[in-house]
Amino acid sequence: MISRLVASTLFAACVSSVTVACSSSDPAPSGSSGPGGGPTACESDTRKDVYVAGLSRAATDVTVKLVDAKPAPLVKGSNELMVQVLDAGGKPVDGATLTFTPFMPDHGHGSSAKPEITPMGSDGKYQIKNIWLPMAGLWKLTFGVTTPGAAAPQDVSFSFCLDG
């Protein structure tokens, strides 16, 4: 009987500590850059990209260019992006199929929200709404781009570190 009680208590403590480790929503105290008063790892993380409008990454046959972000730079919470898809020659690609996957490589999880991707006309621009980044830390944002006539998507990724 006592061993069941000890086992149940230990299990509850383990589950509680895992949940807290990956779901902190405590605001940063005034004058600090992270929850609990300590600095976040963003300042020294060498894997991150620094957001600027026009930042681009290329795969074999396509380039994804970040046209705009709301807010800019991206923050913990709700975000939107406007991107432009370009072919290998730098011309806009209309009619592409895009997927968007936010993922935290250090934590091994993504976001629970499903992003909404909308083509924005004839200049290869696509709007991504409902980007929910619930935690501070490094986020790898991967675009899967399938151009018209292509057999498979090409992945293009950006990594941004969010304070907060």
N, C-alpha and C. Protein backbone atom coordinates (compact mmCIF):
# COMPACT_ATOMS: atom_id res chain seq x y z
N MET A 1 0.82 -1.18 0.00
CA MET A 1 0.00 0.00 0.00
C MET A 1 0.87 1.25 0.00
N ILE A 2 1.90 1.27 0.84
CA ILE A 2 2.77 2.43 0.91
C ILE A 2 3.53 2.60 -0.40
N SER A 3 3.98 1.51 -1.02
CA SER A 3 4.73 1.63 -2.27
C SER A 3 3.86 2.18 -3.39
N ARG A 4 2.56 1.86 -3.40
CA ARG A 4 1.66 2.45 -4.40
C ARG A 4 1.52 3.95 -4.20
N LEU A 5 1.42 4.36 -2.96
CA LEU A 5 1.30 5.78 -2.64
C LEU A 5 2.56 6.53 -3.05
N VAL A 6 3.74 5.97 -2.75
CA VAL A 6 5.01 6.58 -3.13
C VAL A 6 5.11 6.65 -4.65
N ALA A 7 4.77 5.57 -5.34
CA ALA A 7 4.84 5.54 -6.81
C ALA A 7 3.89 6.56 -7.41
N SER A 8 2.67 6.66 -6.89
CA SER A 8 1.71 7.64 -7.41
C SER A 8 2.20 9.06 -7.21
N THR A 9 2.78 9.33 -6.04
CA THR A 9 3.29 10.67 -5.74
C THR A 9 4.45 11.02 -6.67
N LEU A 10 5.37 10.08 -6.86
CA LEU A 10 6.50 10.32 -7.77
C LEU A 10 6.04 10.55 -9.19
N PHE A 11 5.07 9.75 -9.64
CA PHE A 11 4.55 9.92 -11.00
C PHE A 11 3.92 11.30 -11.17
N ALA A 12 3.11 11.71 -10.21
CA ALA A 12 2.47 13.02 -10.28
C ALA A 12 3.50 14.14 -10.30
N ALA A 13 4.56 14.01 -9.51
CA ALA A 13 5.61 15.02 -9.48
C ALA A 13 6.34 15.10 -10.81
N CYS A 14 6.61 13.95 -11.43
CA CYS A 14 7.30 13.92 -12.74
C CYS A 14 6.45 14.56 -13.81
N VAL A 15 5.17 14.21 -13.87
CA VAL A 15 4.28 14.79 -14.88
C VAL A 15 4.17 16.29 -14.68
N SER A 16 4.05 16.72 -13.46
CA SER A 16 3.95 18.14 -13.16
C SER A 16 5.20 18.89 -13.60
N SER A 17 6.38 18.34 -13.35
CA SER A 17 7.62 19.04 -13.71
C SER A 17 7.80 19.11 -15.21
N VAL A 18 7.40 18.08 -15.95
CA VAL A 18 7.50 18.11 -17.42
C VAL A 18 6.55 19.15 -17.98
N THR A 19 5.32 19.21 -17.45
CA THR A 19 4.34 20.18 -17.94
C THR A 19 4.82 21.60 -17.70
N VAL A 20 5.36 21.87 -16.53
CA VAL A 20 5.85 23.22 -16.21
C VAL A 20 7.03 23.58 -17.09
N ALA A 21 7.92 22.65 -17.38
CA ALA A 21 9.12 22.93 -18.16
C ALA A 21 8.79 23.36 -19.57
N CYS A 22 7.69 22.89 -20.13
CA CYS A 22 7.38 23.19 -21.52
C CYS A 22 6.19 24.12 -21.69
N SER A 23 5.69 24.70 -20.61
CA SER A 23 4.50 25.53 -20.79
C SER A 23 4.50 26.78 -19.91
N SER A 24 5.63 27.31 -19.64
CA SER A 24 5.69 28.50 -18.80
C SER A 24 5.03 29.68 -19.51
N SER A 25 4.15 30.34 -18.80
CA SER A 25 3.56 31.55 -19.36
C SER A 25 3.78 32.73 -18.43
N ASP A 26 4.68 32.56 -17.46
CA ASP A 26 4.98 33.65 -16.55
C ASP A 26 5.60 34.80 -17.32
N PRO A 27 5.09 36.00 -17.13
CA PRO A 27 5.72 37.13 -17.80
C PRO A 27 7.09 37.42 -17.20
N ALA A 28 7.94 38.01 -17.99
CA ALA A 28 9.26 38.38 -17.49
C ALA A 28 9.11 39.57 -16.57
N PRO A 29 9.77 39.53 -15.41
CA PRO A 29 9.74 40.70 -14.53
C PRO A 29 10.37 41.90 -15.22
N SER A 30 9.98 43.07 -14.79
CA SER A 30 10.49 44.30 -15.38
C SER A 30 12.01 44.32 -15.33
N GLY A 31 12.63 44.66 -16.45
CA GLY A 31 14.07 44.78 -16.51
C GLY A 31 14.78 43.49 -16.84
N SER A 32 14.05 42.39 -17.04
CA SER A 32 14.71 41.13 -17.39
C SER A 32 14.27 40.72 -18.78
N SER A 33 14.95 39.73 -19.36
CA SER A 33 14.62 39.33 -20.71
C SER A 33 14.01 37.94 -20.78
N GLY A 34 13.70 37.35 -19.65
CA GLY A 34 13.11 36.02 -19.69
C GLY A 34 12.29 35.74 -18.45
N PRO A 35 11.50 34.63 -18.48
CA PRO A 35 10.70 34.28 -17.33
C PRO A 35 11.59 34.06 -16.11
N GLY A 36 11.12 34.44 -14.97
CA GLY A 36 11.84 34.21 -13.74
C GLY A 36 13.01 35.15 -13.50
N GLY A 37 13.19 36.15 -14.33
CA GLY A 37 14.21 37.14 -14.09
C GLY A 37 15.53 36.90 -14.79
N GLY A 38 15.77 35.69 -15.31
CA GLY A 38 17.04 35.42 -15.98
C GLY A 38 16.98 35.71 -17.46
N PRO A 39 18.11 35.93 -18.09
CA PRO A 39 18.12 36.17 -19.53
C PRO A 39 17.78 34.90 -20.29
N THR A 40 17.20 35.05 -21.46
CA THR A 40 16.95 33.89 -22.30
C THR A 40 18.22 33.56 -23.07
N ALA A 41 18.22 32.42 -23.72
CA ALA A 41 19.39 31.98 -24.48
C ALA A 41 19.45 32.64 -25.85
N CYS A 42 18.47 33.45 -26.20
CA CYS A 42 18.42 34.03 -27.54
C CYS A 42 19.63 34.90 -27.86
N GLU A 43 20.08 35.65 -26.88
CA GLU A 43 21.18 36.57 -27.12
C GLU A 43 22.41 35.87 -27.68
N SER A 44 22.70 34.68 -27.17
CA SER A 44 23.92 33.99 -27.59
C SER A 44 23.67 32.82 -28.55
N ASP A 45 22.43 32.60 -28.97
CA ASP A 45 22.13 31.46 -29.84
C ASP A 45 22.62 31.74 -31.26
N THR A 46 23.59 30.96 -31.72
CA THR A 46 24.19 31.19 -33.04
C THR A 46 23.38 30.56 -34.16
N ARG A 47 22.34 29.81 -33.85
CA ARG A 47 21.52 29.17 -34.89
C ARG A 47 20.44 30.09 -35.45
N LYS A 48 20.22 31.20 -34.80
CA LYS A 48 19.08 32.05 -35.16
C LYS A 48 19.37 32.94 -36.37
N ASP A 49 18.30 33.24 -37.08
CA ASP A 49 18.33 34.28 -38.11
C ASP A 49 17.87 35.57 -37.45
N VAL A 50 18.30 36.69 -37.96
CA VAL A 50 17.82 37.98 -37.48
C VAL A 50 16.81 38.47 -38.51
N TYR A 51 15.57 38.71 -38.05
CA TYR A 51 14.52 39.11 -38.99
C TYR A 51 14.79 40.50 -39.56
N VAL A 52 14.73 40.58 -40.87
CA VAL A 52 14.65 41.83 -41.61
C VAL A 52 13.75 41.55 -42.81
N ALA A 53 12.92 42.51 -43.17
CA ALA A 53 12.10 42.34 -44.36
C ALA A 53 13.02 42.11 -45.55
N GLY A 54 12.71 41.11 -46.35
CA GLY A 54 13.54 40.79 -47.51
C GLY A 54 14.47 39.60 -47.28
N LEU A 55 14.58 39.14 -46.02
CA LEU A 55 15.40 37.97 -45.74
C LEU A 55 14.90 36.79 -46.57
N SER A 56 15.81 36.06 -47.21
CA SER A 56 15.39 34.94 -48.06
C SER A 56 16.28 33.73 -47.85
N ARG A 57 15.71 32.57 -48.20
CA ARG A 57 16.42 31.29 -48.16
C ARG A 57 16.05 30.53 -49.43
N ALA A 58 17.01 29.81 -49.97
CA ALA A 58 16.78 29.07 -51.21
C ALA A 58 16.87 27.57 -50.99
N ALA A 59 16.06 26.85 -51.74
CA ALA A 59 16.19 25.40 -51.90
C ALA A 59 16.76 25.20 -53.31
N THR A 60 16.62 24.03 -53.86
CA THR A 60 17.19 23.77 -55.18
C THR A 60 16.59 24.65 -56.27
N ASP A 61 15.26 24.69 -56.36
CA ASP A 61 14.59 25.41 -57.45
C ASP A 61 13.71 26.58 -57.00
N VAL A 62 13.61 26.81 -55.71
CA VAL A 62 12.76 27.89 -55.21
C VAL A 62 13.46 28.67 -54.10
N THR A 63 13.02 29.91 -53.96
CA THR A 63 13.47 30.77 -52.87
C THR A 63 12.23 31.28 -52.16
N VAL A 64 12.27 31.32 -50.84
CA VAL A 64 11.21 31.95 -50.05
C VAL A 64 11.79 33.22 -49.46
N LYS A 65 11.10 34.32 -49.73
CA LYS A 65 11.52 35.64 -49.26
C LYS A 65 10.49 36.14 -48.25
N LEU A 66 10.95 36.57 -47.08
CA LEU A 66 10.06 37.15 -46.07
C LEU A 66 9.81 38.61 -46.44
N VAL A 67 8.59 38.91 -46.84
CA VAL A 67 8.24 40.26 -47.28
C VAL A 67 7.88 41.14 -46.09
N ASP A 68 7.09 40.58 -45.16
CA ASP A 68 6.62 41.36 -44.01
C ASP A 68 6.24 40.41 -42.89
N ALA A 69 6.30 40.90 -41.67
CA ALA A 69 5.86 40.16 -40.49
C ALA A 69 5.04 41.11 -39.62
N LYS A 70 4.00 40.56 -39.00
CA LYS A 70 3.18 41.34 -38.06
C LYS A 70 3.04 40.51 -36.80
N PRO A 71 3.64 40.97 -35.71
CA PRO A 71 4.57 42.08 -35.59
C PRO A 71 5.94 41.71 -36.17
N ALA A 72 6.76 42.71 -36.32
CA ALA A 72 8.13 42.49 -36.81
C ALA A 72 9.09 43.02 -35.76
N PRO A 73 10.01 42.21 -35.30
CA PRO A 73 10.18 40.80 -35.58
C PRO A 73 9.10 39.96 -34.91
N LEU A 74 9.09 38.66 -35.20
CA LEU A 74 8.11 37.75 -34.60
C LEU A 74 8.25 37.75 -33.08
N VAL A 75 7.13 37.49 -32.41
CA VAL A 75 7.10 37.50 -30.95
C VAL A 75 6.44 36.23 -30.43
N LYS A 76 6.61 36.00 -29.14
CA LYS A 76 5.87 34.93 -28.48
C LYS A 76 4.40 35.31 -28.55
N GLY A 77 3.57 34.42 -29.08
CA GLY A 77 2.15 34.70 -29.21
C GLY A 77 1.72 34.62 -30.67
N SER A 78 0.80 35.49 -31.06
CA SER A 78 0.20 35.48 -32.40
C SER A 78 1.01 36.30 -33.40
N ASN A 79 1.23 35.72 -34.59
CA ASN A 79 2.03 36.37 -35.63
C ASN A 79 1.42 36.12 -37.01
N GLU A 80 1.82 36.93 -37.98
CA GLU A 80 1.47 36.76 -39.39
C GLU A 80 2.71 36.99 -40.23
N LEU A 81 2.78 36.33 -41.37
CA LEU A 81 3.87 36.55 -42.32
C LEU A 81 3.32 36.75 -43.72
N MET A 82 4.00 37.56 -44.50
CA MET A 82 3.78 37.65 -45.93
C MET A 82 5.08 37.20 -46.57
N VAL A 83 5.00 36.18 -47.45
CA VAL A 83 6.19 35.67 -48.11
C VAL A 83 6.00 35.75 -49.61
N GLN A 84 7.12 35.70 -50.32
CA GLN A 84 7.08 35.64 -51.77
C GLN A 84 7.90 34.43 -52.19
N VAL A 85 7.31 33.63 -53.08
CA VAL A 85 7.99 32.45 -53.61
C VAL A 85 8.54 32.81 -54.98
N LEU A 86 9.84 32.55 -55.17
CA LEU A 86 10.52 32.86 -56.43
C LEU A 86 11.13 31.59 -57.01
N ASP A 87 11.18 31.52 -58.34
CA ASP A 87 11.82 30.37 -58.98
C ASP A 87 13.34 30.58 -59.01
N ALA A 88 14.05 29.61 -59.58
CA ALA A 88 15.52 29.67 -59.60
C ALA A 88 16.04 30.91 -60.33
N GLY A 89 15.24 31.46 -61.24
CA GLY A 89 15.63 32.67 -61.97
C GLY A 89 15.21 33.95 -61.30
N GLY A 90 14.56 33.85 -60.12
CA GLY A 90 14.14 35.04 -59.39
C GLY A 90 12.78 35.58 -59.77
N LYS A 91 12.03 34.81 -60.58
CA LYS A 91 10.68 35.25 -60.98
C LYS A 91 9.65 34.72 -60.00
N PRO A 92 8.59 35.52 -59.70
CA PRO A 92 7.54 35.10 -58.78
C PRO A 92 6.84 33.82 -59.26
N VAL A 93 6.49 32.95 -58.30
CA VAL A 93 5.80 31.70 -58.59
C VAL A 93 4.38 31.78 -58.06
N ASP A 94 3.41 31.78 -58.97
CA ASP A 94 2.00 31.72 -58.58
C ASP A 94 1.53 30.28 -58.67
N GLY A 95 0.49 29.95 -57.91
CA GLY A 95 -0.09 28.62 -57.97
C GLY A 95 0.69 27.55 -57.23
N ALA A 96 1.64 27.95 -56.41
CA ALA A 96 2.38 26.97 -55.61
C ALA A 96 1.50 26.51 -54.45
N THR A 97 1.78 25.33 -53.96
CA THR A 97 1.14 24.83 -52.74
C THR A 97 2.16 24.97 -51.63
N LEU A 98 1.76 25.66 -50.56
CA LEU A 98 2.66 25.88 -49.42
C LEU A 98 2.13 25.17 -48.18
N THR A 99 3.06 24.64 -47.41
CA THR A 99 2.78 24.21 -46.05
C THR A 99 3.68 25.04 -45.15
N PHE A 100 3.29 25.17 -43.90
CA PHE A 100 4.07 25.95 -42.95
C PHE A 100 4.09 25.20 -41.63
N THR A 101 5.30 24.91 -41.13
CA THR A 101 5.43 24.13 -39.90
C THR A 101 6.36 24.84 -38.92
N PRO A 102 5.80 25.39 -37.83
CA PRO A 102 6.65 25.93 -36.76
C PRO A 102 7.04 24.80 -35.81
N PHE A 103 8.32 24.74 -35.43
CA PHE A 103 8.80 23.65 -34.59
C PHE A 103 9.91 24.15 -33.67
N MET A 104 9.89 23.73 -32.42
CA MET A 104 10.94 24.07 -31.46
C MET A 104 11.90 22.89 -31.36
N PRO A 105 13.05 22.96 -32.04
CA PRO A 105 13.97 21.82 -32.03
C PRO A 105 14.52 21.47 -30.65
N ASP A 106 14.68 22.45 -29.79
CA ASP A 106 15.22 22.19 -28.45
C ASP A 106 14.21 21.50 -27.53
N HIS A 107 12.93 21.64 -27.85
CA HIS A 107 11.88 21.06 -27.02
C HIS A 107 11.21 19.87 -27.70
N GLY A 108 11.39 19.72 -29.00
CA GLY A 108 10.81 18.60 -29.73
C GLY A 108 9.32 18.70 -29.96
N HIS A 109 8.79 19.93 -30.06
CA HIS A 109 7.36 20.08 -30.33
C HIS A 109 7.10 21.29 -31.22
N GLY A 110 5.90 21.29 -31.78
CA GLY A 110 5.47 22.39 -32.62
C GLY A 110 4.43 23.23 -31.91
N SER A 111 3.54 23.79 -32.70
CA SER A 111 2.46 24.64 -32.21
C SER A 111 1.14 23.92 -32.40
N SER A 112 0.19 24.18 -31.53
CA SER A 112 -1.11 23.52 -31.63
C SER A 112 -2.02 24.18 -32.66
N ALA A 113 -1.71 25.39 -33.08
CA ALA A 113 -2.56 26.11 -34.04
C ALA A 113 -2.22 25.70 -35.47
N LYS A 114 -3.25 25.68 -36.31
CA LYS A 114 -3.05 25.37 -37.73
C LYS A 114 -2.97 26.68 -38.51
N PRO A 115 -1.80 26.98 -39.09
CA PRO A 115 -1.66 28.23 -39.86
C PRO A 115 -2.58 28.24 -41.08
N GLU A 116 -3.01 29.43 -41.45
CA GLU A 116 -3.86 29.62 -42.63
C GLU A 116 -3.02 30.28 -43.72
N ILE A 117 -2.92 29.63 -44.89
CA ILE A 117 -2.09 30.13 -45.99
C ILE A 117 -3.00 30.55 -47.14
N THR A 118 -2.83 31.80 -47.59
CA THR A 118 -3.68 32.35 -48.64
C THR A 118 -2.82 32.96 -49.74
N PRO A 119 -3.00 32.53 -51.01
CA PRO A 119 -2.32 33.20 -52.13
C PRO A 119 -2.84 34.64 -52.23
N MET A 120 -1.93 35.59 -52.53
CA MET A 120 -2.31 37.00 -52.52
C MET A 120 -2.28 37.68 -53.88
N GLY A 121 -2.37 36.94 -54.96
CA GLY A 121 -2.41 37.59 -56.27
C GLY A 121 -1.45 36.96 -57.24
N SER A 122 -0.97 37.78 -58.16
CA SER A 122 -0.15 37.26 -59.26
C SER A 122 1.33 37.62 -59.13
N ASP A 123 1.79 37.89 -57.93
CA ASP A 123 3.20 38.26 -57.76
C ASP A 123 3.95 37.27 -56.87
N GLY A 124 3.42 36.04 -56.74
CA GLY A 124 4.08 35.01 -55.95
C GLY A 124 4.00 35.22 -54.45
N LYS A 125 3.09 36.09 -53.99
CA LYS A 125 2.99 36.36 -52.56
C LYS A 125 1.91 35.49 -51.91
N TYR A 126 2.21 35.09 -50.67
CA TYR A 126 1.32 34.25 -49.89
C TYR A 126 1.31 34.78 -48.46
N GLN A 127 0.11 34.86 -47.88
CA GLN A 127 -0.05 35.33 -46.51
C GLN A 127 -0.24 34.12 -45.59
N ILE A 128 0.47 34.12 -44.49
CA ILE A 128 0.32 33.06 -43.49
C ILE A 128 -0.19 33.71 -42.22
N LYS A 129 -1.41 33.36 -41.84
CA LYS A 129 -2.02 33.87 -40.61
C LYS A 129 -2.12 32.74 -39.60
N ASN A 130 -2.47 33.12 -38.38
CA ASN A 130 -2.67 32.17 -37.29
C ASN A 130 -1.39 31.40 -36.97
N ILE A 131 -0.28 32.13 -36.96
CA ILE A 131 0.99 31.54 -36.53
C ILE A 131 1.07 31.75 -35.03
N TRP A 132 0.93 30.66 -34.29
CA TRP A 132 0.93 30.74 -32.83
C TRP A 132 2.23 30.16 -32.31
N LEU A 133 3.05 31.01 -31.70
CA LEU A 133 4.34 30.61 -31.13
C LEU A 133 4.22 30.85 -29.62
N PRO A 134 3.81 29.83 -28.87
CA PRO A 134 3.43 30.03 -27.48
C PRO A 134 4.57 30.15 -26.47
N MET A 135 5.80 29.90 -26.90
CA MET A 135 6.91 29.89 -25.94
C MET A 135 8.10 30.68 -26.43
N ALA A 136 8.87 31.19 -25.49
CA ALA A 136 10.16 31.79 -25.81
C ALA A 136 11.13 30.67 -26.18
N GLY A 137 12.10 30.99 -27.01
CA GLY A 137 13.11 30.03 -27.43
C GLY A 137 13.26 29.99 -28.93
N LEU A 138 14.03 29.04 -29.42
CA LEU A 138 14.30 28.93 -30.85
C LEU A 138 13.16 28.21 -31.57
N TRP A 139 12.63 28.85 -32.61
CA TRP A 139 11.59 28.28 -33.45
C TRP A 139 12.13 28.11 -34.86
N LYS A 140 12.03 26.91 -35.40
CA LYS A 140 12.39 26.64 -36.80
C LYS A 140 11.09 26.69 -37.59
N LEU A 141 11.01 27.62 -38.54
CA LEU A 141 9.82 27.81 -39.37
C LEU A 141 10.12 27.24 -40.75
N THR A 142 9.44 26.16 -41.11
CA THR A 142 9.71 25.48 -42.37
C THR A 142 8.55 25.64 -43.33
N PHE A 143 8.89 26.11 -44.53
CA PHE A 143 7.93 26.21 -45.62
C PHE A 143 8.17 25.03 -46.55
N GLY A 144 7.12 24.25 -46.82
CA GLY A 144 7.18 23.22 -47.84
C GLY A 144 6.56 23.83 -49.09
N VAL A 145 7.33 23.94 -50.17
CA VAL A 145 6.86 24.61 -51.39
C VAL A 145 6.81 23.61 -52.53
N THR A 146 5.61 23.40 -53.06
CA THR A 146 5.44 22.57 -54.24
C THR A 146 5.01 23.49 -55.38
N THR A 147 5.88 23.67 -56.35
CA THR A 147 5.58 24.54 -57.48
C THR A 147 4.72 23.79 -58.49
N PRO A 148 3.97 24.52 -59.32
CA PRO A 148 3.14 23.85 -60.32
C PRO A 148 3.98 22.90 -61.19
N GLY A 149 3.53 21.66 -61.30
CA GLY A 149 4.23 20.66 -62.10
C GLY A 149 5.30 19.89 -61.36
N ALA A 150 5.64 20.32 -60.14
CA ALA A 150 6.68 19.62 -59.37
C ALA A 150 6.10 18.37 -58.72
N ALA A 151 6.92 17.34 -58.60
CA ALA A 151 6.46 16.08 -58.02
C ALA A 151 6.49 16.10 -56.49
N ALA A 152 7.37 16.88 -55.91
CA ALA A 152 7.52 16.88 -54.46
C ALA A 152 7.82 18.29 -53.96
N PRO A 153 7.50 18.54 -52.69
CA PRO A 153 7.81 19.86 -52.12
C PRO A 153 9.31 20.02 -51.85
N GLN A 154 9.73 21.26 -51.83
CA GLN A 154 11.09 21.62 -51.41
C GLN A 154 10.94 22.39 -50.10
N ASP A 155 11.76 22.05 -49.12
CA ASP A 155 11.69 22.71 -47.81
C ASP A 155 12.66 23.87 -47.72
N VAL A 156 12.16 24.96 -47.18
CA VAL A 156 12.97 26.16 -46.92
C VAL A 156 12.69 26.55 -45.48
N SER A 157 13.76 26.72 -44.68
CA SER A 157 13.58 27.00 -43.26
C SER A 157 14.28 28.28 -42.81
N PHE A 158 13.66 28.92 -41.83
CA PHE A 158 14.23 30.05 -41.12
C PHE A 158 14.16 29.71 -39.64
N SER A 159 15.10 30.18 -38.85
CA SER A 159 15.07 29.94 -37.41
C SER A 159 15.13 31.28 -36.68
N PHE A 160 14.14 31.50 -35.82
CA PHE A 160 14.09 32.74 -35.06
C PHE A 160 14.02 32.41 -33.57
N CYS A 161 14.74 33.15 -32.78
CA CYS A 161 14.74 32.97 -31.34
C CYS A 161 13.88 34.07 -30.72
N LEU A 162 12.88 33.67 -29.96
CA LEU A 162 11.95 34.61 -29.36
C LEU A 162 12.25 34.77 -27.88
N ASP A 163 12.36 36.01 -27.45
CA ASP A 163 12.51 36.29 -26.02
C ASP A 163 11.13 36.27 -25.38
N GLY A 164 11.13 36.22 -24.08
CA GLY A 164 9.87 36.45 -23.44
C GLY A 164 9.36 35.51 -22.49
